[in-house]
């Protein structure tokens, strides 16, 4: 996190058209009906402005007036506190802690495998591990309208961006994964999710 006084007067998100972590932030912005300017970043030709704002030159990077944030988990928690309505985290501390832990587990157990597939690292094994891991907990997705919740949370926002990419990642769920498919369809039908999609992400599902 760094501060850049007098740099901007509006919220800006430096993003990438196929990054699931950038998509996560865009989905949260859409759910909260927060207007932001999007700056599309080419990883092979990063704009000087981004490199000035973020020493790592990474996306997503969020600029809110004089505040610059560039870790997706930090960005989405900031958005939750900055724009508390509608809430995307439970009210009570114990439930909030569990949600944070679940987001961390999704990142470690599933999104890390997505990263491997996208980067072309151990693709076959990563694809199999992600497929097997999702199916091992498929029944859980049918227990509530949202993931272990009656209301949408940041956990669902993260999962939605993962599940949207499954065909693009070469993963097709069998009949056993039907609860996941139905859960995903509920999320994909949300206007905010549709609004969060880049053109390249729309193409992931034709």
N, C-alpha and C. Protein backbone atom coordinates (compact mmCIF):
# COMPACT_ATOMS: atom_id res chain seq x y z
N UNK A 1 0.84 -1.19 0.00
CA UNK A 1 0.00 0.00 0.00
C UNK A 1 0.87 1.24 0.00
N UNK A 2 0.58 2.18 -0.90
CA UNK A 2 1.29 3.45 -0.91
C UNK A 2 0.29 4.57 -1.08
N UNK A 3 0.70 5.77 -0.76
CA UNK A 3 -0.17 6.93 -0.90
C UNK A 3 0.39 7.86 -1.96
N UNK A 4 -0.48 8.33 -2.84
CA UNK A 4 -0.07 9.22 -3.91
C UNK A 4 -0.95 10.47 -3.86
N UNK A 5 -0.59 11.47 -3.07
CA UNK A 5 -1.43 12.65 -2.92
C UNK A 5 -1.66 13.38 -4.24
N UNK A 6 -2.91 13.82 -4.41
CA UNK A 6 -3.31 14.64 -5.55
C UNK A 6 -3.12 13.95 -6.91
N UNK A 7 -3.11 12.62 -6.92
CA UNK A 7 -2.94 11.91 -8.19
C UNK A 7 -4.25 11.78 -8.97
N UNK A 8 -5.34 11.41 -8.25
CA UNK A 8 -6.59 11.12 -8.94
C UNK A 8 -7.77 11.62 -8.13
N UNK A 9 -8.89 11.83 -8.81
CA UNK A 9 -10.10 12.25 -8.11
C UNK A 9 -11.18 11.18 -8.19
N UNK A 10 -10.95 10.09 -8.95
CA UNK A 10 -11.93 9.03 -9.09
C UNK A 10 -11.26 7.68 -8.87
N UNK A 11 -12.07 6.66 -8.55
CA UNK A 11 -11.54 5.32 -8.33
C UNK A 11 -11.16 4.70 -9.67
N UNK A 12 -9.99 4.10 -9.70
CA UNK A 12 -9.49 3.47 -10.91
C UNK A 12 -8.97 2.08 -10.58
N UNK A 13 -9.29 1.12 -11.46
CA UNK A 13 -8.78 -0.24 -11.29
C UNK A 13 -7.93 -0.60 -12.50
N UNK A 14 -6.67 -0.88 -12.24
CA UNK A 14 -5.81 -1.45 -13.27
C UNK A 14 -6.08 -2.95 -13.29
N UNK A 15 -6.47 -3.46 -14.44
CA UNK A 15 -7.00 -4.81 -14.51
C UNK A 15 -6.46 -5.55 -15.73
N UNK A 16 -6.76 -6.83 -15.79
CA UNK A 16 -6.40 -7.64 -16.95
C UNK A 16 -7.62 -8.42 -17.41
N UNK A 17 -7.78 -8.58 -18.70
CA UNK A 17 -9.01 -9.10 -19.28
C UNK A 17 -9.32 -10.55 -18.95
N UNK A 18 -8.32 -11.37 -18.57
CA UNK A 18 -8.59 -12.77 -18.26
C UNK A 18 -8.16 -13.19 -16.86
N UNK A 19 -7.63 -12.28 -16.07
CA UNK A 19 -7.17 -12.61 -14.72
C UNK A 19 -8.35 -12.86 -13.79
N UNK A 20 -8.37 -14.03 -13.14
CA UNK A 20 -9.49 -14.32 -12.24
C UNK A 20 -9.46 -13.43 -11.01
N UNK A 21 -8.28 -13.02 -10.58
CA UNK A 21 -8.20 -12.14 -9.41
C UNK A 21 -8.70 -10.73 -9.74
N UNK A 22 -8.40 -10.26 -10.93
CA UNK A 22 -8.97 -8.97 -11.37
C UNK A 22 -10.48 -9.07 -11.51
N UNK A 23 -10.94 -10.19 -12.04
CA UNK A 23 -12.37 -10.41 -12.21
C UNK A 23 -13.07 -10.40 -10.85
N UNK A 24 -12.45 -10.99 -9.86
CA UNK A 24 -13.00 -11.01 -8.50
C UNK A 24 -13.28 -9.58 -8.03
N UNK A 25 -12.31 -8.71 -8.20
CA UNK A 25 -12.47 -7.31 -7.78
C UNK A 25 -13.57 -6.64 -8.59
N UNK A 26 -13.61 -6.88 -9.90
CA UNK A 26 -14.65 -6.28 -10.73
C UNK A 26 -16.04 -6.75 -10.34
N UNK A 27 -16.15 -8.02 -9.96
CA UNK A 27 -17.44 -8.55 -9.52
C UNK A 27 -17.88 -7.88 -8.23
N UNK A 28 -16.97 -7.71 -7.29
CA UNK A 28 -17.30 -7.04 -6.03
C UNK A 28 -17.73 -5.59 -6.29
N UNK A 29 -17.00 -4.90 -7.15
CA UNK A 29 -17.39 -3.52 -7.50
C UNK A 29 -18.80 -3.50 -8.08
N UNK A 30 -19.10 -4.46 -8.94
CA UNK A 30 -20.43 -4.49 -9.57
C UNK A 30 -21.52 -4.81 -8.57
N UNK A 31 -21.26 -5.75 -7.66
CA UNK A 31 -22.26 -6.09 -6.64
C UNK A 31 -22.57 -4.89 -5.76
N UNK A 32 -21.57 -4.06 -5.53
CA UNK A 32 -21.77 -2.89 -4.67
C UNK A 32 -22.15 -1.65 -5.47
N UNK A 33 -22.31 -1.83 -6.80
CA UNK A 33 -22.69 -0.72 -7.69
C UNK A 33 -21.74 0.46 -7.56
N UNK A 34 -20.46 0.15 -7.45
CA UNK A 34 -19.43 1.18 -7.35
C UNK A 34 -18.88 1.46 -8.76
N UNK A 35 -18.89 2.70 -9.12
CA UNK A 35 -18.36 3.10 -10.43
C UNK A 35 -16.85 3.28 -10.34
N UNK A 36 -16.14 2.70 -11.29
CA UNK A 36 -14.69 2.86 -11.34
C UNK A 36 -14.25 2.89 -12.80
N UNK A 37 -13.16 3.58 -13.04
CA UNK A 37 -12.54 3.56 -14.37
C UNK A 37 -11.64 2.34 -14.44
N UNK A 38 -11.73 1.57 -15.53
CA UNK A 38 -10.88 0.40 -15.72
C UNK A 38 -9.77 0.74 -16.71
N UNK A 39 -8.55 0.39 -16.31
CA UNK A 39 -7.40 0.55 -17.20
C UNK A 39 -6.88 -0.85 -17.52
N UNK A 40 -7.04 -1.27 -18.78
CA UNK A 40 -6.60 -2.60 -19.20
C UNK A 40 -5.08 -2.62 -19.34
N UNK A 41 -4.47 -3.62 -18.69
CA UNK A 41 -3.01 -3.70 -18.65
C UNK A 41 -2.52 -4.89 -19.48
N UNK A 42 -1.56 -4.64 -20.33
CA UNK A 42 -0.87 -5.68 -21.07
C UNK A 42 0.34 -6.10 -20.23
N UNK A 43 0.38 -7.35 -19.72
CA UNK A 43 1.49 -7.77 -18.87
C UNK A 43 2.86 -7.63 -19.53
N UNK A 44 2.89 -7.65 -20.86
CA UNK A 44 4.16 -7.53 -21.58
C UNK A 44 4.54 -6.08 -21.88
N UNK A 45 3.64 -5.17 -21.54
CA UNK A 45 3.92 -3.75 -21.79
C UNK A 45 3.16 -2.91 -20.76
N UNK A 46 3.60 -3.02 -19.53
CA UNK A 46 2.90 -2.35 -18.43
C UNK A 46 3.09 -0.84 -18.50
N UNK A 47 2.01 -0.09 -18.31
CA UNK A 47 2.12 1.37 -18.40
C UNK A 47 2.99 1.94 -17.29
N UNK A 48 3.68 3.00 -17.62
CA UNK A 48 4.57 3.64 -16.64
C UNK A 48 3.80 4.08 -15.40
N UNK A 49 2.57 4.51 -15.60
CA UNK A 49 1.77 4.97 -14.46
C UNK A 49 1.58 3.86 -13.44
N UNK A 50 1.31 2.64 -13.92
CA UNK A 50 1.15 1.51 -13.01
C UNK A 50 2.44 1.23 -12.25
N UNK A 51 3.56 1.27 -12.94
CA UNK A 51 4.84 1.00 -12.31
C UNK A 51 5.18 2.08 -11.28
N UNK A 52 4.71 3.29 -11.51
CA UNK A 52 4.92 4.36 -10.53
C UNK A 52 4.06 4.15 -9.29
N UNK A 53 2.85 3.65 -9.50
CA UNK A 53 1.91 3.45 -8.40
C UNK A 53 2.22 2.19 -7.59
N UNK A 54 2.65 1.15 -8.27
CA UNK A 54 2.81 -0.16 -7.67
C UNK A 54 4.21 -0.68 -7.97
N UNK A 55 5.06 -0.83 -6.96
CA UNK A 55 6.44 -1.24 -7.21
C UNK A 55 6.57 -2.61 -7.85
N UNK A 56 5.49 -3.44 -7.76
CA UNK A 56 5.52 -4.77 -8.35
C UNK A 56 4.90 -4.80 -9.75
N UNK A 57 4.25 -3.71 -10.13
CA UNK A 57 3.63 -3.64 -11.45
C UNK A 57 2.55 -4.67 -11.67
N UNK A 58 1.89 -5.10 -10.59
CA UNK A 58 0.93 -6.19 -10.68
C UNK A 58 -0.50 -5.68 -10.77
N UNK A 59 -1.36 -6.56 -11.28
CA UNK A 59 -2.79 -6.28 -11.27
C UNK A 59 -3.49 -7.41 -10.51
N UNK A 60 -4.63 -7.09 -9.86
CA UNK A 60 -5.30 -5.78 -9.86
C UNK A 60 -4.58 -4.77 -8.96
N UNK A 61 -4.65 -3.52 -9.37
CA UNK A 61 -4.21 -2.39 -8.55
C UNK A 61 -5.36 -1.40 -8.51
N UNK A 62 -5.76 -1.03 -7.31
CA UNK A 62 -6.87 -0.08 -7.14
C UNK A 62 -6.35 1.25 -6.65
N UNK A 63 -6.81 2.31 -7.29
CA UNK A 63 -6.46 3.67 -6.87
C UNK A 63 -7.74 4.37 -6.47
N UNK A 64 -7.81 4.80 -5.22
CA UNK A 64 -8.97 5.54 -4.71
C UNK A 64 -8.46 6.86 -4.16
N UNK A 65 -8.51 7.88 -4.99
CA UNK A 65 -7.96 9.20 -4.66
C UNK A 65 -6.48 9.06 -4.31
N UNK A 66 -6.09 9.23 -3.03
CA UNK A 66 -4.67 9.19 -2.70
C UNK A 66 -4.24 7.83 -2.16
N UNK A 67 -5.10 6.84 -2.26
CA UNK A 67 -4.79 5.50 -1.75
C UNK A 67 -4.56 4.54 -2.90
N UNK A 68 -3.49 3.73 -2.80
CA UNK A 68 -3.19 2.72 -3.80
C UNK A 68 -3.08 1.36 -3.11
N UNK A 69 -3.87 0.39 -3.61
CA UNK A 69 -3.86 -0.97 -3.05
C UNK A 69 -3.59 -1.96 -4.18
N UNK A 70 -2.81 -3.00 -3.88
CA UNK A 70 -2.49 -3.94 -4.96
C UNK A 70 -2.40 -5.39 -4.54
N UNK A 71 -3.08 -5.81 -3.53
CA UNK A 71 -3.29 -7.22 -3.23
C UNK A 71 -4.80 -7.47 -3.29
N UNK A 72 -5.27 -8.44 -4.08
CA UNK A 72 -6.72 -8.60 -4.27
C UNK A 72 -7.49 -8.78 -2.97
N UNK A 73 -6.97 -9.56 -2.02
CA UNK A 73 -7.67 -9.74 -0.76
C UNK A 73 -7.81 -8.43 0.00
N UNK A 74 -6.75 -7.63 -0.03
CA UNK A 74 -6.78 -6.33 0.65
C UNK A 74 -7.76 -5.40 -0.07
N UNK A 75 -7.75 -5.45 -1.39
CA UNK A 75 -8.66 -4.59 -2.16
C UNK A 75 -10.12 -4.90 -1.85
N UNK A 76 -10.48 -6.18 -1.86
CA UNK A 76 -11.90 -6.50 -1.66
C UNK A 76 -12.33 -6.23 -0.21
N UNK A 77 -11.43 -6.40 0.75
CA UNK A 77 -11.80 -6.05 2.14
C UNK A 77 -11.94 -4.54 2.29
N UNK A 78 -11.09 -3.79 1.60
CA UNK A 78 -11.22 -2.34 1.62
C UNK A 78 -12.56 -1.92 1.03
N UNK A 79 -12.93 -2.51 -0.09
CA UNK A 79 -14.21 -2.18 -0.72
C UNK A 79 -15.38 -2.52 0.19
N UNK A 80 -15.26 -3.63 0.91
CA UNK A 80 -16.33 -4.02 1.84
C UNK A 80 -16.48 -2.99 2.95
N UNK A 81 -15.37 -2.46 3.45
CA UNK A 81 -15.43 -1.47 4.52
C UNK A 81 -15.78 -0.08 3.98
N UNK A 82 -15.29 0.22 2.81
CA UNK A 82 -15.53 1.55 2.22
C UNK A 82 -16.97 1.69 1.74
N UNK A 83 -17.53 0.58 1.25
CA UNK A 83 -18.91 0.58 0.75
C UNK A 83 -19.66 -0.57 1.43
N UNK A 84 -20.10 -0.38 2.66
CA UNK A 84 -20.67 -1.48 3.46
C UNK A 84 -22.03 -2.00 3.00
N UNK A 85 -22.68 -1.30 2.09
CA UNK A 85 -24.00 -1.74 1.62
C UNK A 85 -23.98 -1.89 0.10
N UNK A 86 -24.47 -3.03 -0.39
CA UNK A 86 -24.91 -4.19 0.37
C UNK A 86 -23.72 -4.96 0.96
N UNK A 87 -23.88 -5.54 2.14
CA UNK A 87 -22.77 -6.25 2.77
C UNK A 87 -22.44 -7.55 2.04
N UNK A 88 -21.14 -7.84 1.94
CA UNK A 88 -20.69 -9.09 1.34
C UNK A 88 -19.85 -9.91 2.33
N UNK A 89 -19.97 -9.55 3.59
CA UNK A 89 -19.35 -10.32 4.67
C UNK A 89 -20.36 -10.45 5.79
N UNK A 90 -20.32 -11.57 6.54
CA UNK A 90 -21.23 -11.72 7.68
C UNK A 90 -21.01 -10.63 8.72
N UNK A 91 -22.01 -10.45 9.56
CA UNK A 91 -21.95 -9.39 10.58
C UNK A 91 -21.05 -9.77 11.74
N UNK A 92 -21.15 -11.02 12.20
CA UNK A 92 -20.49 -11.41 13.44
C UNK A 92 -19.04 -11.83 13.22
N UNK A 93 -18.16 -11.51 14.18
CA UNK A 93 -16.72 -11.76 14.03
C UNK A 93 -16.37 -13.21 13.71
N UNK A 94 -17.03 -14.16 14.37
CA UNK A 94 -16.71 -15.57 14.12
C UNK A 94 -17.03 -15.94 12.68
N UNK A 95 -18.19 -15.53 12.21
CA UNK A 95 -18.60 -15.83 10.83
C UNK A 95 -17.69 -15.12 9.83
N UNK A 96 -17.28 -13.90 10.16
CA UNK A 96 -16.38 -13.16 9.27
C UNK A 96 -15.03 -13.86 9.18
N UNK A 97 -14.55 -14.33 10.32
CA UNK A 97 -13.27 -15.05 10.35
C UNK A 97 -13.36 -16.32 9.50
N UNK A 98 -14.48 -17.02 9.60
CA UNK A 98 -14.65 -18.24 8.80
C UNK A 98 -14.67 -17.93 7.31
N UNK A 99 -15.31 -16.82 6.95
CA UNK A 99 -15.33 -16.42 5.54
C UNK A 99 -13.93 -16.11 5.04
N UNK A 100 -13.14 -15.41 5.85
CA UNK A 100 -11.77 -15.09 5.46
C UNK A 100 -10.95 -16.36 5.31
N UNK A 101 -11.16 -17.31 6.21
CA UNK A 101 -10.43 -18.57 6.13
C UNK A 101 -10.83 -19.33 4.87
N UNK A 102 -12.12 -19.31 4.54
CA UNK A 102 -12.58 -20.00 3.34
C UNK A 102 -11.98 -19.37 2.08
N UNK A 103 -11.91 -18.05 2.04
CA UNK A 103 -11.29 -17.36 0.90
C UNK A 103 -9.83 -17.77 0.77
N UNK A 104 -9.15 -17.86 1.91
CA UNK A 104 -7.75 -18.27 1.90
C UNK A 104 -7.60 -19.69 1.39
N UNK A 105 -8.51 -20.58 1.80
CA UNK A 105 -8.45 -21.98 1.35
C UNK A 105 -8.73 -22.10 -0.15
N UNK A 106 -9.69 -21.32 -0.64
CA UNK A 106 -9.99 -21.31 -2.07
C UNK A 106 -8.75 -20.90 -2.85
N UNK A 107 -8.07 -19.88 -2.34
CA UNK A 107 -6.86 -19.40 -3.01
C UNK A 107 -5.78 -20.47 -3.02
N UNK A 108 -5.53 -21.07 -1.85
CA UNK A 108 -4.46 -22.07 -1.74
C UNK A 108 -4.78 -23.35 -2.49
N UNK A 109 -6.01 -23.83 -2.33
CA UNK A 109 -6.36 -25.16 -2.85
C UNK A 109 -6.80 -25.16 -4.31
N UNK A 110 -7.44 -24.09 -4.76
CA UNK A 110 -8.03 -24.08 -6.10
C UNK A 110 -7.41 -23.03 -7.02
N UNK A 111 -7.34 -21.79 -6.55
CA UNK A 111 -6.85 -20.74 -7.44
C UNK A 111 -5.37 -20.92 -7.77
N UNK A 112 -4.62 -21.52 -6.87
CA UNK A 112 -3.22 -21.81 -7.17
C UNK A 112 -3.11 -22.79 -8.33
N UNK A 113 -4.08 -23.72 -8.43
CA UNK A 113 -4.10 -24.67 -9.54
C UNK A 113 -4.49 -23.98 -10.84
N UNK A 114 -5.43 -23.03 -10.75
CA UNK A 114 -5.79 -22.23 -11.92
C UNK A 114 -4.55 -21.51 -12.45
N UNK A 115 -3.77 -20.94 -11.54
CA UNK A 115 -2.56 -20.22 -11.95
C UNK A 115 -1.61 -21.15 -12.70
N UNK A 116 -1.47 -22.38 -12.23
CA UNK A 116 -0.58 -23.34 -12.89
C UNK A 116 -1.07 -23.66 -14.30
N UNK A 117 -2.37 -23.87 -14.44
CA UNK A 117 -2.92 -24.19 -15.75
C UNK A 117 -2.71 -23.02 -16.71
N UNK A 118 -3.00 -21.81 -16.25
CA UNK A 118 -2.87 -20.62 -17.09
C UNK A 118 -1.42 -20.41 -17.51
N UNK A 119 -0.50 -20.66 -16.59
CA UNK A 119 0.93 -20.44 -16.87
C UNK A 119 1.57 -21.61 -17.63
N UNK A 120 0.81 -22.71 -17.77
CA UNK A 120 1.36 -23.85 -18.47
C UNK A 120 2.32 -24.67 -17.64
N UNK A 121 2.14 -24.63 -16.31
CA UNK A 121 3.02 -25.35 -15.39
C UNK A 121 2.31 -26.59 -14.87
N UNK A 122 2.83 -27.77 -15.19
CA UNK A 122 2.23 -29.03 -14.71
C UNK A 122 0.73 -29.04 -15.00
N UNK A 123 0.37 -28.67 -16.22
CA UNK A 123 -1.04 -28.45 -16.57
C UNK A 123 -1.90 -29.69 -16.34
N UNK A 124 -1.46 -30.83 -16.82
CA UNK A 124 -2.27 -32.05 -16.72
C UNK A 124 -2.56 -32.40 -15.27
N UNK A 125 -1.54 -32.33 -14.42
CA UNK A 125 -1.73 -32.67 -13.02
C UNK A 125 -2.58 -31.63 -12.31
N UNK A 126 -2.34 -30.35 -12.61
CA UNK A 126 -3.11 -29.27 -11.98
C UNK A 126 -4.58 -29.37 -12.35
N UNK A 127 -4.86 -29.70 -13.62
CA UNK A 127 -6.24 -29.84 -14.08
C UNK A 127 -6.92 -31.00 -13.36
N UNK A 128 -6.22 -32.11 -13.22
CA UNK A 128 -6.77 -33.28 -12.53
C UNK A 128 -7.01 -32.96 -11.06
N UNK A 129 -6.06 -32.29 -10.42
CA UNK A 129 -6.19 -31.96 -8.99
C UNK A 129 -7.39 -31.04 -8.76
N UNK A 130 -7.57 -30.06 -9.64
CA UNK A 130 -8.69 -29.13 -9.49
C UNK A 130 -10.01 -29.86 -9.71
N UNK A 131 -10.08 -30.68 -10.73
CA UNK A 131 -11.27 -31.48 -11.03
C UNK A 131 -11.63 -32.37 -9.84
N UNK A 132 -10.67 -33.12 -9.33
CA UNK A 132 -10.91 -34.04 -8.22
C UNK A 132 -11.31 -33.30 -6.94
N UNK A 133 -10.65 -32.18 -6.69
CA UNK A 133 -10.92 -31.43 -5.46
C UNK A 133 -12.31 -30.83 -5.47
N UNK A 134 -12.73 -30.29 -6.61
CA UNK A 134 -14.08 -29.73 -6.71
C UNK A 134 -15.14 -30.81 -6.50
N UNK A 135 -14.96 -31.94 -7.15
CA UNK A 135 -15.94 -33.02 -7.04
C UNK A 135 -16.01 -33.58 -5.63
N UNK A 136 -14.91 -33.54 -4.90
CA UNK A 136 -14.89 -34.10 -3.55
C UNK A 136 -15.79 -33.33 -2.58
N UNK A 137 -16.11 -32.09 -2.92
CA UNK A 137 -16.97 -31.28 -2.04
C UNK A 137 -18.23 -30.82 -2.77
N UNK A 138 -18.56 -31.47 -3.88
CA UNK A 138 -19.68 -31.03 -4.72
C UNK A 138 -20.99 -30.92 -3.95
N UNK A 139 -21.24 -31.86 -3.05
CA UNK A 139 -22.52 -31.87 -2.33
C UNK A 139 -22.73 -30.62 -1.49
N UNK A 140 -21.63 -30.02 -1.03
CA UNK A 140 -21.72 -28.83 -0.18
C UNK A 140 -22.37 -27.67 -0.93
N UNK A 141 -22.17 -27.62 -2.25
CA UNK A 141 -22.70 -26.51 -3.04
C UNK A 141 -24.22 -26.54 -3.14
N UNK A 142 -24.82 -27.65 -2.78
CA UNK A 142 -26.28 -27.75 -2.86
C UNK A 142 -26.97 -27.50 -1.54
N UNK A 143 -26.21 -27.20 -0.49
CA UNK A 143 -26.80 -27.05 0.85
C UNK A 143 -27.50 -25.72 1.07
N UNK A 144 -27.09 -24.68 0.36
CA UNK A 144 -27.64 -23.33 0.55
C UNK A 144 -27.67 -22.61 -0.80
N UNK A 145 -28.45 -21.53 -0.90
CA UNK A 145 -28.47 -20.78 -2.15
C UNK A 145 -27.08 -20.30 -2.57
N UNK A 146 -26.28 -19.92 -1.58
CA UNK A 146 -24.91 -19.50 -1.82
C UNK A 146 -23.99 -20.42 -1.03
N UNK A 147 -22.69 -20.20 -1.09
CA UNK A 147 -21.77 -21.14 -0.48
C UNK A 147 -21.85 -21.07 1.04
N UNK A 148 -22.53 -22.07 1.63
CA UNK A 148 -22.73 -22.16 3.08
C UNK A 148 -23.37 -20.89 3.64
N UNK A 149 -24.23 -20.27 2.85
CA UNK A 149 -24.83 -19.00 3.26
C UNK A 149 -26.14 -18.78 2.53
N UNK A 150 -27.03 -18.03 3.17
CA UNK A 150 -28.29 -17.66 2.53
C UNK A 150 -28.14 -16.40 1.68
N UNK A 151 -27.05 -15.67 1.87
CA UNK A 151 -26.80 -14.44 1.13
C UNK A 151 -25.45 -14.51 0.45
N UNK A 152 -25.31 -13.81 -0.65
CA UNK A 152 -24.04 -13.79 -1.36
C UNK A 152 -22.96 -13.12 -0.52
N UNK A 153 -21.75 -13.68 -0.58
CA UNK A 153 -20.62 -13.13 0.17
C UNK A 153 -19.41 -13.02 -0.74
N UNK A 154 -18.32 -12.51 -0.19
CA UNK A 154 -17.07 -12.43 -0.94
C UNK A 154 -16.57 -13.81 -1.35
N UNK A 155 -16.93 -14.82 -0.59
CA UNK A 155 -16.56 -16.19 -0.94
C UNK A 155 -17.17 -16.56 -2.29
N UNK A 156 -18.45 -16.25 -2.46
CA UNK A 156 -19.14 -16.55 -3.71
C UNK A 156 -18.53 -15.76 -4.87
N UNK A 157 -18.14 -14.52 -4.61
CA UNK A 157 -17.55 -13.71 -5.67
C UNK A 157 -16.26 -14.34 -6.18
N UNK A 158 -15.49 -14.90 -5.26
CA UNK A 158 -14.25 -15.58 -5.65
C UNK A 158 -14.55 -16.86 -6.41
N UNK A 159 -15.48 -17.65 -5.90
CA UNK A 159 -15.83 -18.93 -6.53
C UNK A 159 -16.43 -18.72 -7.92
N UNK A 160 -17.23 -17.69 -8.09
CA UNK A 160 -17.87 -17.45 -9.38
C UNK A 160 -16.84 -17.25 -10.48
N UNK A 161 -15.79 -16.49 -10.18
CA UNK A 161 -14.78 -16.22 -11.20
C UNK A 161 -13.98 -17.49 -11.54
N UNK A 162 -13.84 -18.37 -10.57
CA UNK A 162 -13.19 -19.67 -10.82
C UNK A 162 -14.08 -20.56 -11.68
N UNK A 163 -15.34 -20.71 -11.28
CA UNK A 163 -16.23 -21.63 -11.96
C UNK A 163 -16.54 -21.19 -13.39
N UNK A 164 -16.58 -19.89 -13.63
CA UNK A 164 -16.81 -19.38 -14.99
C UNK A 164 -15.71 -19.86 -15.94
N UNK A 165 -14.51 -20.03 -15.40
CA UNK A 165 -13.35 -20.37 -16.23
C UNK A 165 -13.17 -21.85 -16.48
N UNK A 166 -13.96 -22.71 -15.87
CA UNK A 166 -13.72 -24.15 -15.99
C UNK A 166 -13.64 -24.64 -17.44
N UNK A 167 -14.58 -24.31 -18.33
CA UNK A 167 -14.44 -24.78 -19.72
C UNK A 167 -13.16 -24.26 -20.38
N UNK A 168 -12.82 -23.03 -20.11
CA UNK A 168 -11.61 -22.40 -20.65
C UNK A 168 -10.36 -23.12 -20.15
N UNK A 169 -10.45 -23.67 -18.93
CA UNK A 169 -9.32 -24.39 -18.34
C UNK A 169 -9.29 -25.85 -18.76
N UNK A 170 -10.28 -26.27 -19.55
CA UNK A 170 -10.33 -27.64 -20.00
C UNK A 170 -10.95 -28.61 -19.01
N UNK A 171 -11.85 -28.08 -18.17
CA UNK A 171 -12.49 -28.91 -17.14
C UNK A 171 -14.00 -28.94 -17.37
N UNK A 172 -14.54 -30.13 -17.51
CA UNK A 172 -15.98 -30.32 -17.65
C UNK A 172 -16.45 -31.22 -16.52
N UNK A 173 -17.38 -30.73 -15.72
CA UNK A 173 -17.85 -31.49 -14.57
C UNK A 173 -18.87 -32.55 -14.99
N UNK A 174 -18.79 -33.75 -14.40
CA UNK A 174 -19.74 -34.82 -14.72
C UNK A 174 -21.03 -34.65 -13.92
N UNK A 175 -21.90 -35.63 -14.00
CA UNK A 175 -23.18 -35.60 -13.28
C UNK A 175 -22.97 -35.37 -11.79
N UNK A 176 -21.90 -35.94 -11.26
CA UNK A 176 -21.60 -35.78 -9.82
C UNK A 176 -21.42 -34.32 -9.44
N UNK A 177 -21.04 -33.51 -10.39
CA UNK A 177 -20.81 -32.09 -10.11
C UNK A 177 -22.03 -31.22 -10.33
N UNK A 178 -23.20 -31.82 -10.49
CA UNK A 178 -24.42 -31.05 -10.77
C UNK A 178 -24.70 -29.96 -9.72
N UNK A 179 -24.50 -30.22 -8.41
CA UNK A 179 -24.73 -29.14 -7.44
C UNK A 179 -23.84 -27.93 -7.69
N UNK A 180 -22.62 -28.17 -8.16
CA UNK A 180 -21.71 -27.06 -8.47
C UNK A 180 -22.23 -26.29 -9.67
N UNK A 181 -22.68 -27.01 -10.68
CA UNK A 181 -23.19 -26.37 -11.90
C UNK A 181 -24.40 -25.51 -11.59
N UNK A 182 -25.33 -26.01 -10.80
CA UNK A 182 -26.53 -25.25 -10.46
C UNK A 182 -26.18 -24.02 -9.62
N UNK A 183 -25.26 -24.20 -8.68
CA UNK A 183 -24.78 -23.07 -7.87
C UNK A 183 -24.15 -22.01 -8.77
N UNK A 184 -23.30 -22.45 -9.69
CA UNK A 184 -22.62 -21.52 -10.59
C UNK A 184 -23.64 -20.77 -11.45
N UNK A 185 -24.66 -21.46 -11.94
CA UNK A 185 -25.66 -20.81 -12.78
C UNK A 185 -26.39 -19.70 -12.03
N UNK A 186 -26.63 -19.91 -10.73
CA UNK A 186 -27.27 -18.86 -9.93
C UNK A 186 -26.39 -17.61 -9.85
N UNK A 187 -25.09 -17.83 -9.72
CA UNK A 187 -24.18 -16.70 -9.65
C UNK A 187 -24.04 -16.01 -11.02
N UNK A 188 -23.92 -16.82 -12.06
CA UNK A 188 -23.74 -16.25 -13.40
C UNK A 188 -24.95 -15.43 -13.85
N UNK A 189 -26.13 -15.77 -13.31
CA UNK A 189 -27.35 -15.06 -13.69
C UNK A 189 -27.48 -13.69 -13.04
N UNK A 190 -26.65 -13.42 -12.06
CA UNK A 190 -26.74 -12.13 -11.37
C UNK A 190 -26.31 -11.00 -12.32
N UNK A 191 -27.09 -9.93 -12.39
CA UNK A 191 -26.72 -8.81 -13.25
C UNK A 191 -25.31 -8.29 -12.98
N UNK A 192 -24.92 -8.28 -11.69
CA UNK A 192 -23.59 -7.78 -11.33
C UNK A 192 -22.50 -8.66 -11.93
N UNK A 193 -22.74 -9.97 -11.95
CA UNK A 193 -21.72 -10.85 -12.53
C UNK A 193 -21.60 -10.59 -14.03
N UNK A 194 -22.74 -10.49 -14.70
CA UNK A 194 -22.71 -10.24 -16.13
C UNK A 194 -22.01 -8.91 -16.44
N UNK A 195 -22.24 -7.92 -15.58
CA UNK A 195 -21.63 -6.61 -15.77
C UNK A 195 -20.13 -6.64 -15.54
N UNK A 196 -19.67 -7.62 -14.75
CA UNK A 196 -18.25 -7.68 -14.39
C UNK A 196 -17.39 -8.33 -15.46
N UNK A 197 -18.00 -8.97 -16.43
CA UNK A 197 -17.26 -9.74 -17.43
C UNK A 197 -16.59 -8.83 -18.47
N UNK A 198 -15.32 -9.10 -18.74
CA UNK A 198 -14.66 -8.46 -19.87
C UNK A 198 -15.09 -9.19 -21.15
N UNK A 199 -14.81 -8.60 -22.29
CA UNK A 199 -15.15 -9.25 -23.56
C UNK A 199 -14.44 -10.60 -23.67
N UNK A 200 -13.18 -10.64 -23.24
CA UNK A 200 -12.42 -11.89 -23.31
C UNK A 200 -13.02 -12.96 -22.40
N UNK A 201 -13.54 -12.55 -21.26
CA UNK A 201 -14.16 -13.50 -20.33
C UNK A 201 -15.49 -14.01 -20.90
N UNK A 202 -16.22 -13.14 -21.57
CA UNK A 202 -17.46 -13.59 -22.22
C UNK A 202 -17.14 -14.67 -23.25
N UNK A 203 -16.03 -14.53 -23.94
CA UNK A 203 -15.64 -15.49 -24.97
C UNK A 203 -15.24 -16.84 -24.39
N UNK A 204 -14.93 -16.89 -23.09
CA UNK A 204 -14.55 -18.14 -22.46
C UNK A 204 -15.68 -19.16 -22.51
N UNK A 205 -16.91 -18.65 -22.63
CA UNK A 205 -18.08 -19.54 -22.71
C UNK A 205 -18.88 -19.28 -23.99
N UNK A 206 -18.19 -18.81 -24.98
CA UNK A 206 -18.85 -18.60 -26.27
C UNK A 206 -19.87 -17.50 -26.24
